[in-house]
N, C-alpha and C. Protein backbone atom coordinates (compact mmCIF):
# COMPACT_ATOMS: atom_id res chain seq x y z
N MET A 1 -6.90 -8.78 -11.11
CA MET A 1 -5.58 -7.99 -11.48
C MET A 1 -4.92 -8.33 -12.81
N ILE A 2 -4.05 -7.48 -13.18
CA ILE A 2 -3.52 -7.66 -14.35
C ILE A 2 -2.10 -8.26 -14.23
N ALA A 3 -1.74 -9.31 -14.65
CA ALA A 3 -0.43 -9.99 -14.13
C ALA A 3 0.59 -9.58 -15.27
N TYR A 4 0.37 -9.27 -16.45
CA TYR A 4 1.41 -8.73 -17.27
C TYR A 4 0.63 -7.96 -18.50
N ILE A 5 1.36 -7.05 -19.20
CA ILE A 5 0.87 -6.55 -20.25
C ILE A 5 1.63 -6.77 -21.43
N LYS A 6 1.23 -7.14 -22.61
CA LYS A 6 1.95 -7.31 -23.82
C LYS A 6 1.44 -6.44 -24.90
N GLY A 7 2.36 -5.92 -25.59
CA GLY A 7 1.86 -4.95 -26.85
C GLY A 7 2.89 -4.35 -27.54
N ILE A 8 2.63 -3.13 -28.00
CA ILE A 8 3.64 -2.37 -28.70
C ILE A 8 3.77 -1.01 -27.90
N THR A 9 4.96 -0.72 -27.78
CA THR A 9 5.33 0.61 -27.29
C THR A 9 5.02 1.68 -28.18
N GLN A 10 4.07 2.57 -27.77
CA GLN A 10 3.69 3.76 -28.48
C GLN A 10 4.21 5.07 -28.08
N GLY A 11 4.83 4.99 -26.93
CA GLY A 11 5.50 6.24 -26.27
C GLY A 11 6.01 5.96 -24.97
N TYR A 12 6.67 7.03 -24.58
CA TYR A 12 7.19 6.96 -23.19
C TYR A 12 7.58 8.53 -22.74
N GLY A 13 7.60 8.59 -21.57
CA GLY A 13 7.95 9.76 -20.82
C GLY A 13 9.09 9.56 -19.81
N ASP A 14 9.21 10.58 -18.77
CA ASP A 14 10.23 10.40 -17.86
C ASP A 14 10.04 9.14 -16.94
N ASP A 15 8.76 8.86 -16.64
CA ASP A 15 8.45 7.89 -15.63
C ASP A 15 7.67 6.71 -16.12
N SER A 16 7.26 6.61 -17.38
CA SER A 16 6.27 5.76 -17.70
C SER A 16 6.22 5.53 -19.37
N ILE A 17 5.53 4.38 -19.84
CA ILE A 17 5.56 3.84 -21.06
C ILE A 17 4.13 3.77 -21.33
N VAL A 18 3.81 4.02 -22.58
CA VAL A 18 2.47 3.91 -23.22
C VAL A 18 2.35 2.57 -23.99
N VAL A 19 1.81 1.49 -23.61
CA VAL A 19 1.71 0.21 -24.32
C VAL A 19 0.32 0.23 -25.01
N ASP A 20 0.27 -0.21 -26.36
CA ASP A 20 -0.86 -0.32 -27.15
C ASP A 20 -1.14 -1.73 -27.06
N THR A 21 -2.26 -2.22 -26.65
CA THR A 21 -2.64 -3.53 -26.74
C THR A 21 -4.07 -3.62 -27.36
N LEU A 22 -4.09 -4.16 -28.46
CA LEU A 22 -5.34 -4.30 -29.15
C LEU A 22 -6.05 -3.03 -29.20
N GLY A 23 -5.49 -2.12 -29.67
CA GLY A 23 -6.04 -0.79 -29.87
C GLY A 23 -6.30 0.18 -28.42
N MET A 24 -6.00 -0.45 -27.24
CA MET A 24 -6.02 0.51 -26.17
C MET A 24 -4.75 0.91 -25.49
N GLY A 25 -4.55 2.07 -25.43
CA GLY A 25 -3.18 2.54 -24.77
C GLY A 25 -3.21 2.58 -23.26
N TYR A 26 -2.29 1.78 -22.66
CA TYR A 26 -2.21 1.72 -21.12
C TYR A 26 -0.85 2.51 -20.73
N ARG A 27 -0.96 3.44 -19.85
CA ARG A 27 0.06 4.09 -19.40
C ARG A 27 0.61 3.41 -18.04
N VAL A 28 2.01 2.90 -18.27
CA VAL A 28 2.56 1.91 -17.26
C VAL A 28 3.89 2.66 -16.61
N TYR A 29 3.67 2.96 -15.50
CA TYR A 29 4.71 3.67 -14.79
C TYR A 29 5.90 2.52 -14.37
N THR A 30 7.05 2.96 -14.72
CA THR A 30 8.15 1.95 -14.60
C THR A 30 9.57 2.40 -14.21
N THR A 31 10.59 1.63 -14.22
CA THR A 31 12.12 2.12 -14.03
C THR A 31 12.64 2.83 -15.02
N LYS A 32 13.56 3.62 -14.80
CA LYS A 32 14.23 4.50 -15.95
C LYS A 32 14.94 3.40 -16.73
N SER A 33 15.49 2.38 -16.21
CA SER A 33 16.16 1.32 -17.29
C SER A 33 15.02 0.81 -18.04
N THR A 34 13.89 0.50 -17.79
CA THR A 34 13.06 -0.22 -18.67
C THR A 34 12.59 0.78 -19.64
N ILE A 35 12.38 2.25 -19.11
CA ILE A 35 12.03 3.09 -20.24
C ILE A 35 13.25 3.23 -21.35
N ALA A 36 14.53 3.33 -20.74
CA ALA A 36 15.73 3.44 -21.59
C ALA A 36 15.84 2.30 -22.71
N ALA A 37 15.27 1.11 -22.27
CA ALA A 37 15.32 -0.13 -23.20
C ALA A 37 14.22 -0.06 -24.34
N ALA A 38 13.07 0.69 -23.80
CA ALA A 38 11.83 0.60 -24.91
C ALA A 38 12.21 1.32 -26.04
N ARG A 39 11.74 0.81 -27.22
CA ARG A 39 11.78 1.38 -28.45
C ARG A 39 10.36 1.53 -29.20
N ILE A 40 10.19 2.76 -29.66
CA ILE A 40 8.79 2.94 -30.11
C ILE A 40 8.47 1.86 -31.34
N ASN A 41 7.20 1.53 -31.42
CA ASN A 41 6.65 0.40 -32.39
C ASN A 41 7.33 -0.69 -32.34
N THR A 42 7.70 -1.08 -31.02
CA THR A 42 8.29 -2.49 -30.88
C THR A 42 7.45 -3.28 -29.71
N ASP A 43 7.62 -4.50 -29.79
CA ASP A 43 6.82 -5.40 -28.87
C ASP A 43 7.48 -5.24 -27.42
N ILE A 44 6.58 -5.01 -26.48
CA ILE A 44 7.14 -5.04 -25.05
C ILE A 44 6.21 -5.92 -24.11
N LEU A 45 6.69 -6.69 -23.27
CA LEU A 45 6.28 -7.22 -22.24
C LEU A 45 6.43 -6.75 -20.85
N LEU A 46 5.68 -6.33 -20.08
CA LEU A 46 5.84 -5.88 -18.71
C LEU A 46 5.12 -6.65 -17.71
N TYR A 47 5.80 -7.10 -16.64
CA TYR A 47 5.03 -7.86 -15.30
C TYR A 47 4.52 -6.55 -14.59
N THR A 48 3.06 -6.78 -14.21
CA THR A 48 2.59 -5.49 -13.73
C THR A 48 1.95 -5.61 -12.24
N PHE A 49 1.85 -4.54 -11.65
CA PHE A 49 1.15 -4.37 -10.43
C PHE A 49 0.12 -3.15 -10.55
N MET A 50 -1.10 -3.54 -10.13
CA MET A 50 -1.90 -2.47 -10.32
C MET A 50 -2.47 -1.90 -8.80
N LYS A 51 -2.18 -0.66 -8.60
CA LYS A 51 -2.71 0.06 -7.47
C LYS A 51 -4.13 0.83 -7.60
N ILE A 52 -4.84 0.43 -6.79
CA ILE A 52 -6.22 1.00 -6.87
C ILE A 52 -6.65 1.82 -5.67
N SER A 53 -6.90 3.06 -5.96
CA SER A 53 -7.36 3.88 -4.81
C SER A 53 -8.64 4.55 -5.02
N ASP A 54 -8.93 5.32 -4.03
CA ASP A 54 -10.51 5.98 -4.12
C ASP A 54 -10.58 6.74 -5.42
N ASP A 55 -9.50 7.44 -5.96
CA ASP A 55 -9.50 8.45 -7.10
C ASP A 55 -8.73 7.97 -8.36
N GLN A 56 -8.14 6.89 -8.24
CA GLN A 56 -7.38 6.36 -9.38
C GLN A 56 -7.10 4.91 -9.43
N MET A 57 -6.71 4.59 -10.78
CA MET A 57 -6.00 3.18 -10.99
C MET A 57 -4.82 3.34 -11.54
N VAL A 58 -3.64 2.95 -11.04
CA VAL A 58 -2.35 3.18 -11.53
C VAL A 58 -1.66 1.76 -11.72
N LEU A 59 -1.07 1.61 -12.99
CA LEU A 59 -0.38 0.42 -13.46
C LEU A 59 1.18 0.54 -13.37
N TYR A 60 1.74 -0.07 -12.62
CA TYR A 60 3.33 -0.23 -12.55
C TYR A 60 3.73 -1.47 -13.37
N GLY A 61 4.92 -1.47 -14.08
CA GLY A 61 5.38 -2.52 -15.03
C GLY A 61 6.85 -2.70 -14.85
N PHE A 62 7.21 -3.97 -14.85
CA PHE A 62 8.64 -4.27 -14.87
C PHE A 62 9.11 -5.31 -15.94
N SER A 63 10.40 -5.13 -16.19
CA SER A 63 10.74 -5.92 -17.45
C SER A 63 11.12 -7.57 -16.94
N ASN A 64 11.16 -7.68 -15.62
CA ASN A 64 11.32 -9.07 -15.31
C ASN A 64 10.62 -9.35 -13.94
N GLU A 65 10.39 -10.54 -13.61
CA GLU A 65 9.61 -10.77 -12.42
C GLU A 65 10.51 -10.51 -11.07
N PRO A 66 11.77 -10.83 -10.97
CA PRO A 66 12.57 -10.34 -9.76
C PRO A 66 12.28 -8.90 -9.40
N GLU A 67 12.31 -8.00 -10.44
CA GLU A 67 11.95 -6.48 -10.22
C GLU A 67 10.56 -6.29 -9.61
N LEU A 68 9.44 -7.20 -10.22
CA LEU A 68 8.06 -7.04 -9.70
C LEU A 68 8.03 -7.46 -8.21
N GLU A 69 8.75 -8.72 -7.97
CA GLU A 69 8.70 -9.18 -6.61
C GLU A 69 9.52 -8.35 -5.42
N MET A 70 10.62 -7.63 -6.05
CA MET A 70 11.15 -6.53 -5.01
C MET A 70 10.14 -5.58 -4.91
N PHE A 71 9.68 -4.89 -5.94
CA PHE A 71 8.57 -3.98 -5.83
C PHE A 71 7.53 -4.25 -4.83
N HIS A 72 6.93 -5.35 -4.93
CA HIS A 72 5.83 -5.84 -4.00
C HIS A 72 6.53 -5.70 -2.54
N LEU A 73 7.60 -6.18 -2.29
CA LEU A 73 8.17 -6.33 -0.98
C LEU A 73 8.46 -4.94 -0.42
N LEU A 74 9.10 -4.09 -1.41
CA LEU A 74 9.30 -2.71 -0.71
C LEU A 74 7.99 -1.88 -0.42
N ILE A 75 6.96 -1.98 -1.15
CA ILE A 75 5.97 -1.05 -0.91
C ILE A 75 5.17 -1.76 0.38
N GLN A 76 5.70 -2.79 1.21
CA GLN A 76 5.00 -3.17 2.41
C GLN A 76 5.80 -2.53 3.48
N ALA A 77 6.94 -1.72 3.21
CA ALA A 77 7.70 -1.13 4.33
C ALA A 77 6.93 0.12 4.54
N PRO A 78 6.74 0.55 5.92
CA PRO A 78 6.32 1.81 6.26
C PRO A 78 6.94 2.87 5.52
N GLY A 79 6.35 3.95 4.87
CA GLY A 79 6.91 4.96 4.34
C GLY A 79 7.42 4.90 2.85
N VAL A 80 7.12 3.80 2.45
CA VAL A 80 7.72 3.35 0.95
C VAL A 80 6.44 2.99 0.11
N GLY A 81 6.16 4.03 -0.67
CA GLY A 81 5.21 3.94 -1.76
C GLY A 81 5.79 3.50 -2.97
N PRO A 82 4.78 3.47 -4.04
CA PRO A 82 5.35 2.96 -5.32
C PRO A 82 6.32 3.93 -5.96
N LYS A 83 6.26 5.31 -5.62
CA LYS A 83 7.40 6.13 -6.26
C LYS A 83 8.60 5.74 -5.67
N ALA A 84 9.00 5.60 -4.33
CA ALA A 84 10.01 5.35 -3.50
C ALA A 84 10.62 3.95 -3.98
N ALA A 85 9.78 2.85 -4.12
CA ALA A 85 10.07 1.74 -4.49
C ALA A 85 10.57 1.69 -6.05
N LEU A 86 10.16 2.41 -6.92
CA LEU A 86 10.72 2.53 -8.25
C LEU A 86 12.23 3.22 -8.19
N SER A 87 12.23 4.29 -7.26
CA SER A 87 13.40 4.95 -7.16
C SER A 87 14.48 4.03 -6.64
N LEU A 88 14.20 3.00 -5.64
CA LEU A 88 15.10 2.05 -5.18
C LEU A 88 15.48 1.11 -6.28
N LEU A 89 14.53 0.81 -7.06
CA LEU A 89 14.80 -0.10 -8.23
C LEU A 89 15.68 0.58 -9.45
N ASP A 90 15.49 1.98 -9.38
CA ASP A 90 16.33 2.53 -10.38
C ASP A 90 17.79 2.69 -9.99
N SER A 91 18.01 2.66 -8.64
CA SER A 91 19.28 2.93 -8.20
C SER A 91 20.10 1.45 -7.97
N SER A 92 19.45 0.43 -7.99
CA SER A 92 20.02 -0.81 -7.67
C SER A 92 19.33 -2.04 -8.09
N SER A 93 19.76 -3.24 -8.36
CA SER A 93 19.22 -4.34 -8.77
C SER A 93 18.44 -5.19 -7.75
N PRO A 94 17.32 -5.91 -7.90
CA PRO A 94 16.78 -6.58 -6.77
C PRO A 94 17.87 -7.32 -5.84
N ASP A 95 18.87 -7.97 -6.33
CA ASP A 95 19.81 -8.75 -5.61
C ASP A 95 20.51 -7.78 -4.78
N ARG A 96 20.98 -6.60 -5.18
CA ARG A 96 21.68 -5.78 -4.40
C ARG A 96 20.74 -5.07 -3.32
N ILE A 97 19.51 -4.83 -3.68
CA ILE A 97 18.59 -4.37 -2.56
C ILE A 97 18.45 -5.38 -1.49
N THR A 98 18.35 -6.69 -1.92
CA THR A 98 18.29 -7.85 -0.87
C THR A 98 19.35 -7.90 0.01
N ASN A 99 20.62 -7.82 -0.67
CA ASN A 99 21.82 -7.73 0.11
C ASN A 99 22.05 -6.55 1.19
N ALA A 100 21.61 -5.32 0.70
CA ALA A 100 21.64 -4.17 1.62
C ALA A 100 20.70 -4.31 2.66
N ILE A 101 19.41 -4.95 2.53
CA ILE A 101 18.46 -5.11 3.59
C ILE A 101 18.97 -6.26 4.41
N LEU A 102 19.57 -7.30 4.02
CA LEU A 102 19.88 -8.44 4.81
C LEU A 102 21.26 -7.99 5.65
N SER A 103 22.04 -7.20 5.17
CA SER A 103 23.18 -6.60 5.73
C SER A 103 23.03 -5.54 6.59
N GLY A 104 21.89 -4.74 6.42
CA GLY A 104 21.61 -3.54 7.13
C GLY A 104 22.54 -2.23 6.61
N ASP A 105 22.79 -2.52 5.39
CA ASP A 105 23.54 -1.38 4.68
C ASP A 105 22.72 -0.35 4.29
N ILE A 106 22.65 0.59 5.21
CA ILE A 106 21.77 1.79 5.05
C ILE A 106 22.16 2.63 4.00
N SER A 107 23.54 2.98 3.95
CA SER A 107 24.10 3.73 2.87
C SER A 107 23.72 3.33 1.51
N ALA A 108 23.65 2.03 1.14
CA ALA A 108 23.42 1.62 -0.18
C ALA A 108 21.78 1.91 -0.32
N LEU A 109 21.02 1.93 0.54
CA LEU A 109 19.63 2.31 0.23
C LEU A 109 19.43 3.79 0.14
N THR A 110 20.16 4.49 0.84
CA THR A 110 19.84 6.05 0.64
C THR A 110 20.48 6.41 -0.56
N LYS A 111 21.16 5.74 -1.40
CA LYS A 111 21.61 6.21 -2.67
C LYS A 111 20.40 6.54 -3.58
N ALA A 112 19.19 5.85 -3.37
CA ALA A 112 17.97 6.19 -4.26
C ALA A 112 17.39 7.69 -3.81
N ALA A 113 17.03 8.19 -4.84
CA ALA A 113 16.27 9.69 -4.85
C ALA A 113 15.22 9.41 -3.84
N GLY A 114 14.93 10.27 -2.82
CA GLY A 114 13.78 10.23 -1.85
C GLY A 114 13.81 9.14 -0.74
N ILE A 115 14.97 8.40 -0.64
CA ILE A 115 15.17 7.53 0.41
C ILE A 115 16.13 8.04 1.45
N GLY A 116 15.62 8.48 2.62
CA GLY A 116 16.46 9.06 3.61
C GLY A 116 16.90 7.98 4.58
N LYS A 117 17.68 8.28 5.63
CA LYS A 117 18.31 7.46 6.50
C LYS A 117 17.22 6.81 7.38
N LYS A 118 16.30 7.53 7.76
CA LYS A 118 15.09 6.93 8.59
C LYS A 118 14.30 5.91 7.86
N THR A 119 13.99 6.25 6.61
CA THR A 119 13.12 5.25 5.72
C THR A 119 14.10 3.90 5.43
N ALA A 120 15.37 4.28 5.09
CA ALA A 120 16.19 3.12 4.83
C ALA A 120 16.26 2.16 6.08
N GLU A 121 16.52 2.85 7.19
CA GLU A 121 16.35 1.93 8.41
C GLU A 121 15.14 1.20 8.62
N MET A 122 13.95 1.80 8.40
CA MET A 122 12.67 1.03 8.51
C MET A 122 12.66 0.13 7.61
N ILE A 123 13.03 0.24 6.37
CA ILE A 123 13.21 -0.89 5.33
C ILE A 123 13.92 -2.14 5.80
N CYS A 124 14.87 -1.71 6.32
CA CYS A 124 15.80 -3.05 6.84
C CYS A 124 15.13 -3.70 7.96
N VAL A 125 14.86 -2.92 8.89
CA VAL A 125 14.08 -3.40 10.13
C VAL A 125 12.63 -4.31 9.62
N ARG A 126 11.97 -3.63 8.84
CA ARG A 126 10.69 -4.42 8.47
C ARG A 126 10.80 -5.48 7.48
N LEU A 127 11.73 -5.46 6.59
CA LEU A 127 11.78 -6.44 5.57
C LEU A 127 12.74 -7.49 5.58
N ARG A 128 13.69 -7.44 6.72
CA ARG A 128 14.71 -8.33 6.85
C ARG A 128 14.11 -9.61 7.18
N ASP A 129 13.19 -9.82 8.11
CA ASP A 129 12.55 -11.19 8.24
C ASP A 129 11.78 -11.64 7.17
N LYS A 130 11.23 -10.98 6.21
CA LYS A 130 10.60 -11.39 5.20
C LYS A 130 11.61 -11.92 4.04
N LEU A 131 12.94 -11.45 4.09
CA LEU A 131 13.92 -11.95 3.38
C LEU A 131 14.63 -13.01 4.04
N GLY A 132 14.40 -13.15 5.18
CA GLY A 132 15.29 -14.26 6.12
C GLY A 132 15.28 -15.70 5.51
N GLY A 133 14.06 -16.00 4.90
CA GLY A 133 14.01 -17.34 4.36
C GLY A 133 15.01 -17.60 3.27
N ARG A 134 15.52 -16.48 2.55
CA ARG A 134 16.39 -16.65 1.36
C ARG A 134 17.73 -17.14 1.79
N ASN A 135 18.42 -17.90 0.99
CA ASN A 135 19.78 -18.32 1.27
C ASN A 135 20.72 -17.26 1.04
N ILE A 136 21.10 -16.61 2.07
CA ILE A 136 22.24 -15.52 1.95
C ILE A 136 23.45 -15.88 1.23
N TYR A 137 23.78 -17.11 1.38
CA TYR A 137 25.07 -17.60 0.75
C TYR A 137 24.88 -17.48 -0.88
N GLN A 138 23.69 -17.50 -1.53
CA GLN A 138 23.61 -17.37 -2.93
C GLN A 138 22.99 -16.16 -3.39
N THR A 139 23.33 -15.13 -2.66
CA THR A 139 22.65 -13.81 -2.93
C THR A 139 23.44 -13.18 -4.22
N PHE A 140 24.70 -13.66 -4.60
CA PHE A 140 25.33 -13.05 -5.73
C PHE A 140 24.96 -13.77 -7.03
N ASN A 141 24.39 -13.10 -7.90
CA ASN A 141 24.13 -13.86 -9.27
C ASN A 141 25.41 -14.07 -10.09
N ASP A 142 25.05 -14.78 -11.16
CA ASP A 142 26.24 -15.05 -12.05
C ASP A 142 26.74 -14.01 -12.73
N THR A 143 26.09 -12.83 -12.91
CA THR A 143 26.61 -11.81 -13.68
C THR A 143 27.37 -10.86 -12.62
N ASP A 144 27.24 -10.98 -11.21
CA ASP A 144 28.03 -10.24 -10.45
C ASP A 144 29.19 -11.05 -10.19
N GLN A 145 30.43 -10.73 -11.04
CA GLN A 145 31.54 -11.56 -10.89
C GLN A 145 32.16 -11.60 -9.44
N PRO A 146 33.27 -12.39 -9.19
CA PRO A 146 32.82 -13.79 -9.37
C PRO A 146 32.01 -14.11 -8.22
N ALA A 147 30.84 -14.54 -8.70
CA ALA A 147 29.75 -14.69 -7.62
C ALA A 147 30.18 -15.78 -6.63
N ALA A 148 30.82 -17.00 -6.99
CA ALA A 148 31.15 -18.08 -6.27
C ALA A 148 32.17 -17.66 -5.28
N ASN A 149 33.25 -16.85 -5.61
CA ASN A 149 34.24 -16.31 -4.63
C ASN A 149 33.60 -15.58 -3.43
N LYS A 150 32.54 -14.59 -3.81
CA LYS A 150 31.91 -13.82 -2.78
C LYS A 150 31.00 -14.81 -1.86
N ASN A 151 30.25 -15.80 -2.47
CA ASN A 151 29.51 -16.63 -1.70
C ASN A 151 30.37 -17.58 -0.72
N ASP A 152 31.43 -17.84 -1.28
CA ASP A 152 32.44 -18.85 -0.32
C ASP A 152 32.88 -17.91 0.74
N ALA A 153 33.18 -16.68 0.61
CA ALA A 153 33.77 -15.78 1.54
C ALA A 153 32.78 -15.55 2.55
N VAL A 154 31.57 -15.49 2.28
CA VAL A 154 30.30 -15.09 3.12
C VAL A 154 30.27 -16.37 4.18
N GLN A 155 30.36 -17.59 3.41
CA GLN A 155 30.22 -18.82 4.34
C GLN A 155 31.39 -19.05 5.13
N ALA A 156 32.62 -18.62 4.69
CA ALA A 156 33.70 -18.88 5.60
C ALA A 156 33.73 -17.96 6.85
N LEU A 157 33.19 -16.71 6.59
CA LEU A 157 33.16 -15.58 7.70
C LEU A 157 31.99 -16.20 8.65
N THR A 158 30.94 -16.74 8.36
CA THR A 158 29.85 -17.15 9.25
C THR A 158 30.58 -18.40 10.05
N ALA A 159 31.22 -19.21 9.26
CA ALA A 159 31.75 -20.49 10.02
C ALA A 159 32.93 -19.88 11.02
N LEU A 160 33.46 -18.66 10.89
CA LEU A 160 34.50 -18.22 12.01
C LEU A 160 33.53 -17.45 13.14
N GLY A 161 32.40 -17.39 12.93
CA GLY A 161 31.44 -16.88 14.05
C GLY A 161 30.70 -15.50 13.85
N TYR A 162 30.99 -14.91 12.48
CA TYR A 162 30.19 -13.63 12.26
C TYR A 162 28.86 -14.05 11.88
N THR A 163 27.82 -13.13 12.21
CA THR A 163 26.39 -13.33 11.71
C THR A 163 26.46 -13.06 10.22
N LYS A 164 25.33 -13.70 9.56
CA LYS A 164 25.23 -13.65 8.24
C LYS A 164 25.27 -12.28 7.63
N SER A 165 24.67 -11.28 8.50
CA SER A 165 24.63 -9.95 7.91
C SER A 165 25.92 -9.18 8.00
N GLU A 166 26.71 -9.53 9.04
CA GLU A 166 28.01 -8.95 9.39
C GLU A 166 29.09 -9.50 8.34
N ALA A 167 28.88 -10.79 7.92
CA ALA A 167 29.74 -11.33 6.83
C ALA A 167 29.45 -10.94 5.48
N LEU A 168 28.19 -10.70 5.16
CA LEU A 168 27.76 -10.10 3.79
C LEU A 168 28.04 -8.58 3.79
N LYS A 169 27.87 -7.88 4.65
CA LYS A 169 28.17 -6.46 4.63
C LYS A 169 29.89 -6.33 4.56
N ALA A 170 30.52 -7.14 5.18
CA ALA A 170 32.22 -6.94 4.91
C ALA A 170 32.56 -7.54 3.74
N VAL A 171 31.91 -8.44 3.18
CA VAL A 171 32.30 -8.88 1.72
C VAL A 171 31.98 -7.77 0.70
N LEU A 172 30.80 -7.27 0.94
CA LEU A 172 30.21 -6.27 -0.16
C LEU A 172 31.29 -5.05 0.09
N GLN A 173 31.80 -4.69 1.17
CA GLN A 173 32.79 -3.64 1.30
C GLN A 173 34.10 -3.72 0.72
N VAL A 174 34.61 -5.05 0.56
CA VAL A 174 35.93 -5.36 0.13
C VAL A 174 36.17 -5.80 -1.11
N ALA A 175 35.21 -6.81 -1.59
CA ALA A 175 35.31 -7.57 -2.85
C ALA A 175 35.42 -6.71 -4.18
N LEU A 176 36.50 -6.90 -4.84
CA LEU A 176 36.70 -6.34 -6.21
C LEU A 176 36.55 -7.43 -7.34
N PRO A 177 36.33 -7.15 -8.49
CA PRO A 177 36.21 -8.14 -9.61
C PRO A 177 37.33 -9.18 -9.80
N ASP A 178 38.54 -8.81 -9.51
CA ASP A 178 39.54 -9.73 -9.65
C ASP A 178 40.06 -10.60 -8.51
N MET A 179 39.33 -10.40 -7.30
CA MET A 179 39.93 -11.04 -6.16
C MET A 179 39.37 -12.38 -5.95
N GLU A 180 40.31 -13.32 -5.48
CA GLU A 180 40.10 -14.59 -5.16
C GLU A 180 39.44 -14.71 -3.81
N THR A 181 38.93 -15.91 -3.59
CA THR A 181 38.11 -16.14 -2.12
C THR A 181 38.95 -15.66 -0.99
N GLU A 182 40.32 -16.21 -0.93
CA GLU A 182 41.20 -16.05 0.10
C GLU A 182 41.43 -14.61 0.48
N GLU A 183 41.57 -13.89 -0.68
CA GLU A 183 41.88 -12.51 -0.48
C GLU A 183 40.68 -11.68 -0.01
N ILE A 184 39.57 -12.04 -0.51
CA ILE A 184 38.23 -11.44 0.02
C ILE A 184 38.07 -11.66 1.46
N ILE A 185 38.31 -12.90 1.89
CA ILE A 185 38.28 -13.19 3.35
C ILE A 185 39.11 -12.52 4.21
N LYS A 186 40.50 -12.38 3.72
CA LYS A 186 41.52 -11.54 4.55
C LYS A 186 41.02 -10.10 4.71
N LYS A 187 40.62 -9.52 3.67
CA LYS A 187 40.25 -8.10 3.79
C LYS A 187 39.04 -7.80 4.45
N ALA A 188 37.92 -8.77 4.40
CA ALA A 188 36.77 -8.75 5.13
C ALA A 188 36.97 -9.06 6.58
N LEU A 189 37.90 -9.89 7.09
CA LEU A 189 38.16 -9.87 8.35
C LEU A 189 38.66 -8.51 8.88
N LYS A 190 39.46 -7.79 8.27
CA LYS A 190 40.03 -6.61 8.72
C LYS A 190 38.96 -5.73 8.72
N ALA A 191 37.90 -5.54 7.59
CA ALA A 191 36.87 -4.54 7.73
C ALA A 191 35.96 -4.97 8.71
N ALA A 192 35.75 -6.21 9.11
CA ALA A 192 34.67 -6.59 10.12
C ALA A 192 35.11 -6.37 11.53
N LYS A 193 36.49 -5.96 11.84
CA LYS A 193 36.97 -5.66 13.06
C LYS A 193 36.39 -4.30 13.71
């Protein structure tokens, strides 16, 4: 399999980028954000997944490894093919998709084009266990302000007897950029009732 492709961006469309590598042009299907960041005649590196079927070989590419890992995970859920997985990654970051799955937040998943309630429920049911080994307390990354306050609030709620998914869902519902941990906890306790 092809682990990554590195070359020059030769063109792009609504759903793919053409990458020239040593004189060969590879069409790589990708997310809208990756396409938007691509510039013609500039270097590009995409982490890839190749899907081989009876009648075709299709290459999917991602600007970073967490997106590729989430893509791999999503296509394991029944009813989620590569197109639906790309749609989910277009609508949200891998961290937010992880949070939605762990907390059972169906509405966050149905924001993606082509993902209905039934598919979102199936994603949560089938993939929650596969994500279960991750530390739910550290699901907020440094770019998601203030990550430490949200993580601390989730820990406090679980210490009070809420399940990890209940705590995470409540924190995601109430946390605002300028909130301190104590305020997040108070509002999350009201939301969780």
